[in-house]
PDB file of N, CA and C in Angstrom:
ATOM      1  N   MET A   1    -102.770 -61.790  57.564  1.00  0.00           N
ATOM      2  CA  MET A   1    -103.890 -62.600  57.115  1.00  0.00           C
ATOM      3  C   MET A   1    -104.759 -61.736  56.199  1.00  0.00           C
ATOM      4  N   CYS A   2    -105.186 -62.329  55.094  1.00  0.00           N
ATOM      5  CA  CYS A   2    -106.006 -61.586  54.136  1.00  0.00           C
ATOM      6  C   CYS A   2    -107.496 -61.795  54.439  1.00  0.00           C
ATOM      7  N   ASP A   3    -108.329 -61.014  53.759  1.00  0.00           N
ATOM      8  CA  ASP A   3    -109.773 -61.106  53.977  1.00  0.00           C
ATOM      9  C   ASP A   3    -110.306 -62.493  53.636  1.00  0.00           C
ATOM     10  N   PHE A   4    -109.722 -63.123  52.617  1.00  0.00           N
ATOM     11  CA  PHE A   4    -110.102 -64.480  52.235  1.00  0.00           C
ATOM     12  C   PHE A   4    -109.933 -65.432  53.418  1.00  0.00           C
ATOM     13  N   GLU A   5    -108.768 -65.380  54.055  1.00  0.00           N
ATOM     14  CA  GLU A   5    -108.491 -66.261  55.193  1.00  0.00           C
ATOM     15  C   GLU A   5    -109.354 -65.912  56.401  1.00  0.00           C
ATOM     16  N   ARG A   6    -109.592 -64.630  56.623  1.00  0.00           N
ATOM     17  CA  ARG A   6    -110.459 -64.228  57.737  1.00  0.00           C
ATOM     18  C   ARG A   6    -111.865 -64.784  57.555  1.00  0.00           C
ATOM     19  N   ALA A   7    -112.357 -64.719  56.326  1.00  0.00           N
ATOM     20  CA  ALA A   7    -113.693 -65.245  56.048  1.00  0.00           C
ATOM     21  C   ALA A   7    -113.743 -66.749  56.299  1.00  0.00           C
ATOM     22  N   LEU A   8    -112.703 -67.467  55.905  1.00  0.00           N
ATOM     23  CA  LEU A   8    -112.678 -68.908  56.155  1.00  0.00           C
ATOM     24  C   LEU A   8    -112.612 -69.219  57.639  1.00  0.00           C
ATOM     25  N   GLU A   9    -111.872 -68.413  58.382  1.00  0.00           N
ATOM     26  CA  GLU A   9    -111.807 -68.615  59.830  1.00  0.00           C
ATOM     27  C   GLU A   9    -113.195 -68.531  60.451  1.00  0.00           C
ATOM     28  N   LYS A  10    -114.033 -67.671  59.883  1.00  0.00           N
ATOM     29  CA  LYS A  10    -115.406 -67.493  60.379  1.00  0.00           C
ATOM     30  C   LYS A  10    -116.369 -68.478  59.720  1.00  0.00           C
ATOM     31  N   ASP A  11    -115.831 -69.388  58.906  1.00  0.00           N
ATOM     32  CA  ASP A  11    -116.614 -70.373  58.172  1.00  0.00           C
ATOM     33  C   ASP A  11    -117.614 -69.703  57.228  1.00  0.00           C
ATOM     34  N   ASP A  12    -117.230 -68.542  56.713  1.00  0.00           N
ATOM     35  CA  ASP A  12    -118.058 -67.801  55.772  1.00  0.00           C
ATOM     36  C   ASP A  12    -117.520 -68.032  54.361  1.00  0.00           C
ATOM     37  N   VAL A  13    -117.897 -69.175  53.796  1.00  0.00           N
ATOM     38  CA  VAL A  13    -117.379 -69.562  52.489  1.00  0.00           C
ATOM     39  C   VAL A  13    -117.840 -68.588  51.411  1.00  0.00           C
ATOM     40  N   GLU A  14    -119.057 -68.124  51.516  1.00  0.00           N
ATOM     41  CA  GLU A  14    -119.573 -67.178  50.524  1.00  0.00           C
ATOM     42  C   GLU A  14    -118.690 -65.925  50.469  1.00  0.00           C
ATOM     43  N   MET A  15    -118.349 -65.388  51.617  1.00  0.00           N
ATOM     44  CA  MET A  15    -117.486 -64.205  51.653  1.00  0.00           C
ATOM     45  C   MET A  15    -116.079 -64.554  51.181  1.00  0.00           C
ATOM     46  N   ALA A  16    -115.579 -65.716  51.560  1.00  0.00           N
ATOM     47  CA  ALA A  16    -114.242 -66.136  51.124  1.00  0.00           C
ATOM     48  C   ALA A  16    -114.178 -66.198  49.602  1.00  0.00           C
ATOM     49  N   MET A  17    -115.209 -66.744  48.984  1.00  0.00           N
ATOM     50  CA  MET A  17    -115.207 -66.848  47.524  1.00  0.00           C
ATOM     51  C   MET A  17    -115.315 -65.470  46.872  1.00  0.00           C
ATOM     52  N   LYS A  18    -116.054 -64.566  47.483  1.00  0.00           N
ATOM     53  CA  LYS A  18    -116.105 -63.186  46.973  1.00  0.00           C
ATOM     54  C   LYS A  18    -114.732 -62.536  47.062  1.00  0.00           C
ATOM     55  N   GLU A  19    -114.042 -62.738  48.177  1.00  0.00           N
ATOM     56  CA  GLU A  19    -112.698 -62.178  48.348  1.00  0.00           C
ATOM     57  C   GLU A  19    -111.715 -62.806  47.359  1.00  0.00           C
ATOM     58  N   PHE A  20    -111.873 -64.105  47.108  1.00  0.00           N
ATOM     59  CA  PHE A  20    -111.035 -64.777  46.125  1.00  0.00           C
ATOM     60  C   PHE A  20    -111.257 -64.161  44.744  1.00  0.00           C
ATOM     61  N   ASP A  21    -112.512 -63.944  44.388  1.00  0.00           N
ATOM     62  CA  ASP A  21    -112.826 -63.329  43.085  1.00  0.00           C
ATOM     63  C   ASP A  21    -112.204 -61.942  42.960  1.00  0.00           C
ATOM     64  N   VAL A  22    -112.265 -61.168  44.024  1.00  0.00           N
ATOM     65  CA  VAL A  22    -111.653 -59.832  44.014  1.00  0.00           C
ATOM     66  C   VAL A  22    -110.153 -59.945  43.803  1.00  0.00           C
ATOM     67  N   ALA A  23    -109.523 -60.841  44.533  1.00  0.00           N
ATOM     68  CA  ALA A  23    -108.068 -61.019  44.407  1.00  0.00           C
ATOM     69  C   ALA A  23    -107.688 -61.441  42.995  1.00  0.00           C
ATOM     70  N   MET A  24    -108.452 -62.342  42.417  1.00  0.00           N
ATOM     71  CA  MET A  24    -108.130 -62.819  41.075  1.00  0.00           C
ATOM     72  C   MET A  24    -108.308 -61.709  40.032  1.00  0.00           C
ATOM     73  N   LYS A  25    -109.260 -60.833  40.252  1.00  0.00           N
ATOM     74  CA  LYS A  25    -109.432 -59.699  39.331  1.00  0.00           C
ATOM     75  C   LYS A  25    -108.241 -58.752  39.430  1.00  0.00           C
ATOM     76  N   LEU A  26    -107.696 -58.622  40.614  1.00  0.00           N
ATOM     77  CA  LEU A  26    -106.557 -57.727  40.807  1.00  0.00           C
ATOM     78  C   LEU A  26    -105.268 -58.283  40.206  1.00  0.00           C
ATOM     79  N   VAL A  27    -105.090 -59.597  40.293  1.00  0.00           N
ATOM     80  CA  VAL A  27    -103.834 -60.193  39.831  1.00  0.00           C
ATOM     81  C   VAL A  27    -103.952 -60.890  38.480  1.00  0.00           C
ATOM     82  N   GLY A  28    -105.134 -60.903  37.912  1.00  0.00           N
ATOM     83  CA  GLY A  28    -105.310 -61.547  36.610  1.00  0.00           C
ATOM     84  C   GLY A  28    -105.268 -63.056  36.724  1.00  0.00           C
ATOM     85  N   ASP A  29    -104.630 -63.673  35.782  1.00  0.00           N
ATOM     86  CA  ASP A  29    -104.598 -65.130  35.723  1.00  0.00           C
ATOM     87  C   ASP A  29    -103.402 -65.707  36.469  1.00  0.00           C
ATOM     88  N   ASN A  30    -103.181 -65.269  37.674  1.00  0.00           N
ATOM     89  CA  ASN A  30    -102.059 -65.743  38.472  1.00  0.00           C
ATOM     90  C   ASN A  30    -102.410 -67.106  39.072  1.00  0.00           C
ATOM     91  N   VAL A  31    -101.886 -68.169  38.459  1.00  0.00           N
ATOM     92  CA  VAL A  31    -102.236 -69.509  38.925  1.00  0.00           C
ATOM     93  C   VAL A  31    -101.655 -69.819  40.301  1.00  0.00           C
ATOM     94  N   GLU A  32    -100.582 -69.158  40.668  1.00  0.00           N
ATOM     95  CA  GLU A  32    -100.009 -69.413  41.995  1.00  0.00           C
ATOM     96  C   GLU A  32    -100.969 -68.979  43.093  1.00  0.00           C
ATOM     97  N   ILE A  33    -101.548 -67.797  42.953  1.00  0.00           N
ATOM     98  CA  ILE A  33    -102.520 -67.338  43.952  1.00  0.00           C
ATOM     99  C   ILE A  33    -103.736 -68.242  43.951  1.00  0.00           C
ATOM    100  N   ALA A  34    -104.168 -68.657  42.770  1.00  0.00           N
ATOM    101  CA  ALA A  34    -105.312 -69.559  42.678  1.00  0.00           C
ATOM    102  C   ALA A  34    -104.999 -70.893  43.374  1.00  0.00           C
ATOM    103  N   PHE A  35    -103.808 -71.434  43.141  1.00  0.00           N
ATOM    104  CA  PHE A  35    -103.413 -72.699  43.754  1.00  0.00           C
ATOM    105  C   PHE A  35    -103.456 -72.610  45.274  1.00  0.00           C
ATOM    106  N   TRP A  36    -102.797 -71.608  45.837  1.00  0.00           N
ATOM    107  CA  TRP A  36    -102.725 -71.514  47.302  1.00  0.00           C
ATOM    108  C   TRP A  36    -104.081 -71.193  47.910  1.00  0.00           C
ATOM    109  N   SER A  37    -104.900 -70.445  47.205  1.00  0.00           N
ATOM    110  CA  SER A  37    -106.261 -70.179  47.685  1.00  0.00           C
ATOM    111  C   SER A  37    -107.074 -71.471  47.700  1.00  0.00           C
ATOM    112  N   ALA A  38    -106.958 -72.264  46.643  1.00  0.00           N
ATOM    113  CA  ALA A  38    -107.667 -73.541  46.588  1.00  0.00           C
ATOM    114  C   ALA A  38    -107.190 -74.473  47.696  1.00  0.00           C
ATOM    115  N   LEU A  39    -105.896 -74.491  47.925  1.00  0.00           N
ATOM    116  CA  LEU A  39    -105.371 -75.338  48.999  1.00  0.00           C
ATOM    117  C   LEU A  39    -105.911 -74.889  50.349  1.00  0.00           C
ATOM    118  N   THR A  40    -105.960 -73.597  50.572  1.00  0.00           N
ATOM    119  CA  THR A  40    -106.509 -73.079  51.827  1.00  0.00           C
ATOM    120  C   THR A  40    -107.963 -73.506  51.997  1.00  0.00           C
ATOM    121  N   LEU A  41    -108.739 -73.410  50.926  1.00  0.00           N
ATOM    122  CA  LEU A  41    -110.128 -73.880  50.991  1.00  0.00           C
ATOM    123  C   LEU A  41    -110.180 -75.359  51.344  1.00  0.00           C
ATOM    124  N   ALA A  42    -109.392 -76.165  50.647  1.00  0.00           N
ATOM    125  CA  ALA A  42    -109.405 -77.604  50.872  1.00  0.00           C
ATOM    126  C   ALA A  42    -109.000 -77.961  52.296  1.00  0.00           C
ATOM    127  N   MET A  43    -108.001 -77.287  52.803  1.00  0.00           N
ATOM    128  CA  MET A  43    -107.527 -77.577  54.154  1.00  0.00           C
ATOM    129  C   MET A  43    -108.514 -77.113  55.221  1.00  0.00           C
ATOM    130  N   ASN A  44    -109.454 -76.272  54.814  1.00  0.00           N
ATOM    131  CA  ASN A  44    -110.519 -75.827  55.714  1.00  0.00           C
ATOM    132  C   ASN A  44    -111.820 -76.577  55.427  1.00  0.00           C
ATOM    133  N   ARG A  45    -111.672 -77.769  54.884  1.00  0.00           N
ATOM    134  CA  ARG A  45    -112.792 -78.674  54.616  1.00  0.00           C
ATOM    135  C   ARG A  45    -113.813 -78.099  53.630  1.00  0.00           C
ATOM    136  N   LYS A  46    -113.324 -77.340  52.677  1.00  0.00           N
ATOM    137  CA  LYS A  46    -114.173 -76.760  51.634  1.00  0.00           C
ATOM    138  C   LYS A  46    -113.717 -77.277  50.263  1.00  0.00           C
ATOM    139  N   VAL A  47    -113.532 -78.594  50.186  1.00  0.00           N
ATOM    140  CA  VAL A  47    -112.982 -79.217  48.978  1.00  0.00           C
ATOM    141  C   VAL A  47    -113.877 -78.953  47.773  1.00  0.00           C
ATOM    142  N   ASP A  48    -115.179 -78.980  47.961  1.00  0.00           N
ATOM    143  CA  ASP A  48    -116.092 -78.752  46.828  1.00  0.00           C
ATOM    144  C   ASP A  48    -115.880 -77.377  46.193  1.00  0.00           C
ATOM    145  N   PHE A  49    -115.518 -76.394  46.986  1.00  0.00           N
ATOM    146  CA  PHE A  49    -115.244 -75.058  46.463  1.00  0.00           C
ATOM    147  C   PHE A  49    -113.846 -74.989  45.843  1.00  0.00           C
ATOM    148  N   ALA A  50    -112.942 -75.801  46.370  1.00  0.00           N
ATOM    149  CA  ALA A  50    -111.556 -75.780  45.898  1.00  0.00           C
ATOM    150  C   ALA A  50    -111.364 -76.507  44.569  1.00  0.00           C
ATOM    151  N   LEU A  51    -112.116 -77.552  44.340  1.00  0.00           N
ATOM    152  CA  LEU A  51    -111.894 -78.386  43.161  1.00  0.00           C
ATOM    153  C   LEU A  51    -111.973 -77.634  41.831  1.00  0.00           C
ATOM    154  N   PRO A  52    -112.960 -76.764  41.612  1.00  0.00           N
ATOM    155  CA  PRO A  52    -112.973 -76.037  40.337  1.00  0.00           C
ATOM    156  C   PRO A  52    -111.735 -75.155  40.143  1.00  0.00           C
ATOM    157  N   ILE A  53    -111.226 -74.621  41.228  1.00  0.00           N
ATOM    158  CA  ILE A  53    -110.017 -73.791  41.151  1.00  0.00           C
ATOM    159  C   ILE A  53    -108.822 -74.670  40.816  1.00  0.00           C
ATOM    160  N   PHE A  54    -108.702 -75.814  41.497  1.00  0.00           N
ATOM    161  CA  PHE A  54    -107.619 -76.744  41.188  1.00  0.00           C
ATOM    162  C   PHE A  54    -107.686 -77.191  39.730  1.00  0.00           C
ATOM    163  N   ARG A  55    -108.879 -77.490  39.243  1.00  0.00           N
ATOM    164  CA  ARG A  55    -109.014 -77.923  37.844  1.00  0.00           C
ATOM    165  C   ARG A  55    -108.445 -76.880  36.897  1.00  0.00           C
ATOM    166  N   LYS A  56    -108.770 -75.629  37.169  1.00  0.00           N
ATOM    167  CA  LYS A  56    -108.284 -74.548  36.311  1.00  0.00           C
ATOM    168  C   LYS A  56    -106.763 -74.434  36.394  1.00  0.00           C
ATOM    169  N   VAL A  57    -106.228 -74.488  37.611  1.00  0.00           N
ATOM    170  CA  VAL A  57    -104.778 -74.393  37.812  1.00  0.00           C
ATOM    171  C   VAL A  57    -104.067 -75.551  37.108  1.00  0.00           C
ATOM    172  N   PHE A  58    -104.552 -76.770  37.309  1.00  0.00           N
ATOM    173  CA  PHE A  58    -103.913 -77.941  36.723  1.00  0.00           C
ATOM    174  C   PHE A  58    -104.014 -77.932  35.201  1.00  0.00           C
ATOM    175  N   SER A  59    -105.077 -77.343  34.663  1.00  0.00           N
ATOM    176  CA  SER A  59    -105.206 -77.291  33.202  1.00  0.00           C
ATOM    177  C   SER A  59    -104.198 -76.331  32.589  1.00  0.00           C
ATOM    178  N   VAL A  60    -103.782 -75.338  33.359  1.00  0.00           N
ATOM    179  CA  VAL A  60    -102.791 -74.375  32.881  1.00  0.00           C
ATOM    180  C   VAL A  60    -101.383 -74.958  32.969  1.00  0.00           C
ATOM    181  N   ASP A  61    -101.105 -75.667  34.081  1.00  0.00           N
ATOM    182  CA  ASP A  61     -99.751 -76.178  34.298  1.00  0.00           C
ATOM    183  C   ASP A  61     -99.811 -77.408  35.202  1.00  0.00           C
ATOM    184  N   LYS A  62     -99.499 -78.559  34.637  1.00  0.00           N
ATOM    185  CA  LYS A  62     -99.543 -79.831  35.378  1.00  0.00           C
ATOM    186  C   LYS A  62     -98.496 -79.908  36.490  1.00  0.00           C
ATOM    187  N   ASN A  63     -97.511 -79.025  36.484  1.00  0.00           N
ATOM    188  CA  ASN A  63     -96.494 -79.032  37.545  1.00  0.00           C
ATOM    189  C   ASN A  63     -97.101 -78.755  38.915  1.00  0.00           C
ATOM    190  N   TRP A  64     -98.260 -78.096  38.948  1.00  0.00           N
ATOM    191  CA  TRP A  64     -98.911 -77.827  40.230  1.00  0.00           C
ATOM    192  C   TRP A  64     -99.397 -79.122  40.877  1.00  0.00           C
ATOM    193  N   VAL A  65     -99.711 -80.132  40.071  1.00  0.00           N
ATOM    194  CA  VAL A  65    -100.104 -81.437  40.618  1.00  0.00           C
ATOM    195  C   VAL A  65     -98.929 -82.034  41.385  1.00  0.00           C
ATOM    196  N   GLU A  66     -97.761 -81.982  40.787  1.00  0.00           N
ATOM    197  CA  GLU A  66     -96.570 -82.523  41.447  1.00  0.00           C
ATOM    198  C   GLU A  66     -96.251 -81.747  42.725  1.00  0.00           C
ATOM    199  N   LEU A  67     -96.375 -80.434  42.683  1.00  0.00           N
ATOM    200  CA  LEU A  67     -96.139 -79.636  43.888  1.00  0.00           C
ATOM    201  C   LEU A  67     -97.105 -80.052  44.988  1.00  0.00           C
ATOM    202  N   LEU A  68     -98.366 -80.211  44.629  1.00  0.00           N
ATOM    203  CA  LEU A  68     -99.376 -80.618  45.607  1.00  0.00           C
ATOM    204  C   LEU A  68     -98.977 -81.931  46.274  1.00  0.00           C
ATOM    205  N   ARG A  69     -98.501 -82.866  45.485  1.00  0.00           N
ATOM    206  CA  ARG A  69     -98.101 -84.170  46.024  1.00  0.00           C
ATOM    207  C   ARG A  69     -96.910 -84.069  46.974  1.00  0.00           C
ATOM    208  N   ARG A  70     -96.105 -83.049  46.826  1.00  0.00           N
ATOM    209  CA  ARG A  70     -94.902 -82.896  47.666  1.00  0.00           C
ATOM    210  C   ARG A  70     -95.157 -82.138  48.969  1.00  0.00           C
ATOM    211  N   LEU A  71     -96.320 -81.583  49.134  1.00  0.00           N
ATOM    212  CA  LEU A  71     -96.586 -80.728  50.298  1.00  0.00           C
ATOM    213  C   LEU A  71     -96.492 -81.435  51.646  1.00  0.00           C
ATOM    214  N   PRO A  72     -96.879 -82.706  51.769  1.00  0.00           N
ATOM    215  CA  PRO A  72     -96.707 -83.350  53.084  1.00  0.00           C
ATOM    216  C   PRO A  72     -95.246 -83.424  53.521  1.00  0.00           C
ATOM    217  N   LYS A  73     -94.353 -83.772  52.598  1.00  0.00           N
ATOM    218  CA  LYS A  73     -92.933 -83.852  52.960  1.00  0.00           C
ATOM    219  C   LYS A  73     -92.363 -82.489  53.312  1.00  0.00           C
ATOM    220  N   ALA A  74     -92.953 -81.436  52.748  1.00  0.00           N
ATOM    221  CA  ALA A  74     -92.499 -80.079  53.039  1.00  0.00           C
ATOM    222  C   ALA A  74     -93.122 -79.536  54.324  1.00  0.00           C
ATOM    223  N   GLY A  75     -94.060 -80.279  54.896  1.00  0.00           N
ATOM    224  CA  GLY A  75     -94.692 -79.849  56.137  1.00  0.00           C
ATOM    225  C   GLY A  75     -95.827 -78.858  55.951  1.00  0.00           C
ATOM    226  N   VAL A  76     -96.271 -78.662  54.723  1.00  0.00           N
ATOM    227  CA  VAL A  76     -97.352 -77.709  54.457  1.00  0.00           C
ATOM    228  C   VAL A  76     -98.712 -78.356  54.709  1.00  0.00           C
ATOM    229  N   VAL A  77     -98.808 -79.625  54.390  1.00  0.00           N
ATOM    230  CA  VAL A  77    -100.010 -80.421  54.634  1.00  0.00           C
ATOM    231  C   VAL A  77     -99.596 -81.555  55.561  1.00  0.00           C
ATOM    232  N   SER A  78    -100.480 -81.937  56.468  1.00  0.00           N
ATOM    233  CA  SER A  78    -100.169 -83.014  57.406  1.00  0.00           C
ATOM    234  C   SER A  78     -99.730 -84.264  56.672  1.00  0.00           C
ATOM    235  N   ASN A  79     -98.616 -84.812  57.099  1.00  0.00           N
ATOM    236  CA  ASN A  79     -98.104 -86.034  56.492  1.00  0.00           C
ATOM    237  C   ASN A  79     -98.647 -87.233  57.266  1.00  0.00           C
ATOM    238  N   ASP A  80     -99.981 -87.320  57.285  1.00  0.00           N
ATOM    239  CA  ASP A  80    -100.662 -88.434  57.930  1.00  0.00           C
ATOM    240  C   ASP A  80    -101.729 -88.945  56.967  1.00  0.00           C
ATOM    241  N   ASP A  81    -102.469 -89.942  57.381  1.00  0.00           N
ATOM    242  CA  ASP A  81    -103.473 -90.537  56.497  1.00  0.00           C
ATOM    243  C   ASP A  81    -104.477 -89.497  56.011  1.00  0.00           C
ATOM    244  N   GLU A  82    -104.911 -88.630  56.905  1.00  0.00           N
ATOM    245  CA  GLU A  82    -105.910 -87.613  56.540  1.00  0.00           C
ATOM    246  C   GLU A  82    -105.355 -86.628  55.511  1.00  0.00           C
ATOM    247  N   GLY A  83    -104.148 -86.139  55.740  1.00  0.00           N
ATOM    248  CA  GLY A  83    -103.540 -85.190  54.812  1.00  0.00           C
ATOM    249  C   GLY A  83    -103.290 -85.803  53.449  1.00  0.00           C
ATOM    250  N   ARG A  84    -102.763 -87.018  53.438  1.00  0.00           N
ATOM    251  CA  ARG A  84    -102.507 -87.704  52.170  1.00  0.00           C
ATOM    252  C   ARG A  84    -103.806 -88.027  51.448  1.00  0.00           C
ATOM    253  N   ALA A  85    -104.845 -88.406  52.186  1.00  0.00           N
ATOM    254  CA  ALA A  85    -106.145 -88.704  51.573  1.00  0.00           C
ATOM    255  C   ALA A  85    -106.741 -87.448  50.936  1.00  0.00           C
ATOM    256  N   LEU A  86    -106.593 -86.324  51.601  1.00  0.00           N
ATOM    257  CA  LEU A  86    -107.093 -85.063  51.051  1.00  0.00           C
ATOM    258  C   LEU A  86    -106.413 -84.756  49.724  1.00  0.00           C
ATOM    259  N   LEU A  87    -105.098 -84.881  49.687  1.00  0.00           N
ATOM    260  CA  LEU A  87    -104.369 -84.579  48.456  1.00  0.00           C
ATOM    261  C   LEU A  87    -104.712 -85.570  47.354  1.00  0.00           C
ATOM    262  N   LYS A  88    -104.882 -86.830  47.700  1.00  0.00           N
ATOM    263  CA  LYS A  88    -105.274 -87.832  46.703  1.00  0.00           C
ATOM    264  C   LYS A  88    -106.642 -87.492  46.133  1.00  0.00           C
ATOM    265  N   GLN A  89    -107.565 -87.118  46.999  1.00  0.00           N
ATOM    266  CA  GLN A  89    -108.905 -86.730  46.538  1.00  0.00           C
ATOM    267  C   GLN A  89    -108.824 -85.559  45.569  1.00  0.00           C
ATOM    268  N   ILE A  90    -108.032 -84.553  45.915  1.00  0.00           N
ATOM    269  CA  ILE A  90    -107.890 -83.380  45.049  1.00  0.00           C
ATOM    270  C   ILE A  90    -107.335 -83.780  43.696  1.00  0.00           C
ATOM    271  N   VAL A  91    -106.239 -84.537  43.703  1.00  0.00           N
ATOM    272  CA  VAL A  91    -105.610 -84.933  42.431  1.00  0.00           C
ATOM    273  C   VAL A  91    -106.583 -85.789  41.623  1.00  0.00           C
ATOM    274  N   ASP A  92    -107.199 -86.774  42.260  1.00  0.00           N
ATOM    275  CA  ASP A  92    -108.098 -87.664  41.529  1.00  0.00           C
ATOM    276  C   ASP A  92    -109.275 -86.900  40.911  1.00  0.00           C
ATOM    277  N   GLU A  93    -109.897 -86.051  41.707  1.00  0.00           N
ATOM    278  CA  GLU A  93    -111.101 -85.371  41.233  1.00  0.00           C
ATOM    279  C   GLU A  93    -110.791 -84.186  40.308  1.00  0.00           C
ATOM    280  N   ALA A  94    -109.687 -83.520  40.530  1.00  0.00           N
ATOM    281  CA  ALA A  94    -109.364 -82.349  39.711  1.00  0.00           C
ATOM    282  C   ALA A  94    -108.702 -82.720  38.398  1.00  0.00           C
ATOM    283  N   THR A  95    -108.123 -83.924  38.337  1.00  0.00           N
ATOM    284  CA  THR A  95    -107.467 -84.335  37.092  1.00  0.00           C
ATOM    285  C   THR A  95    -108.228 -85.429  36.376  1.00  0.00           C
ATOM    286  N   GLY A  96    -109.258 -85.964  37.012  1.00  0.00           N
ATOM    287  CA  GLY A  96    -110.045 -87.031  36.411  1.00  0.00           C
ATOM    288  C   GLY A  96    -109.364 -88.376  36.427  1.00  0.00           C
ATOM    289  N   GLN A  97    -108.408 -88.544  37.319  1.00  0.00           N
ATOM    290  CA  GLN A  97    -107.684 -89.827  37.406  1.00  0.00           C
ATOM    291  C   GLN A  97    -108.491 -90.868  38.131  1.00  0.00           C
TER     292      GLN A  97
END
């Protein structure tokens, strides 16, 4: 578990975002790390913090939108009404649909 995830476990969003910023400085413009970090935020009920990251990721490569939509079938996100609603919210708000 990384410091970002530890901070989220403690519901310390401010620290999580600082850790995310540090990680992004270390890896540069790695959209994969940004995507999974945003998903972790969203799944921890921090959608408002995740949306700007998703917007940036989706603007670089729209394929991440399709991956996001496939996560319930892959078992990464709950394949129930709540999980699907979360992903719909992310796609709608991050892509302007």
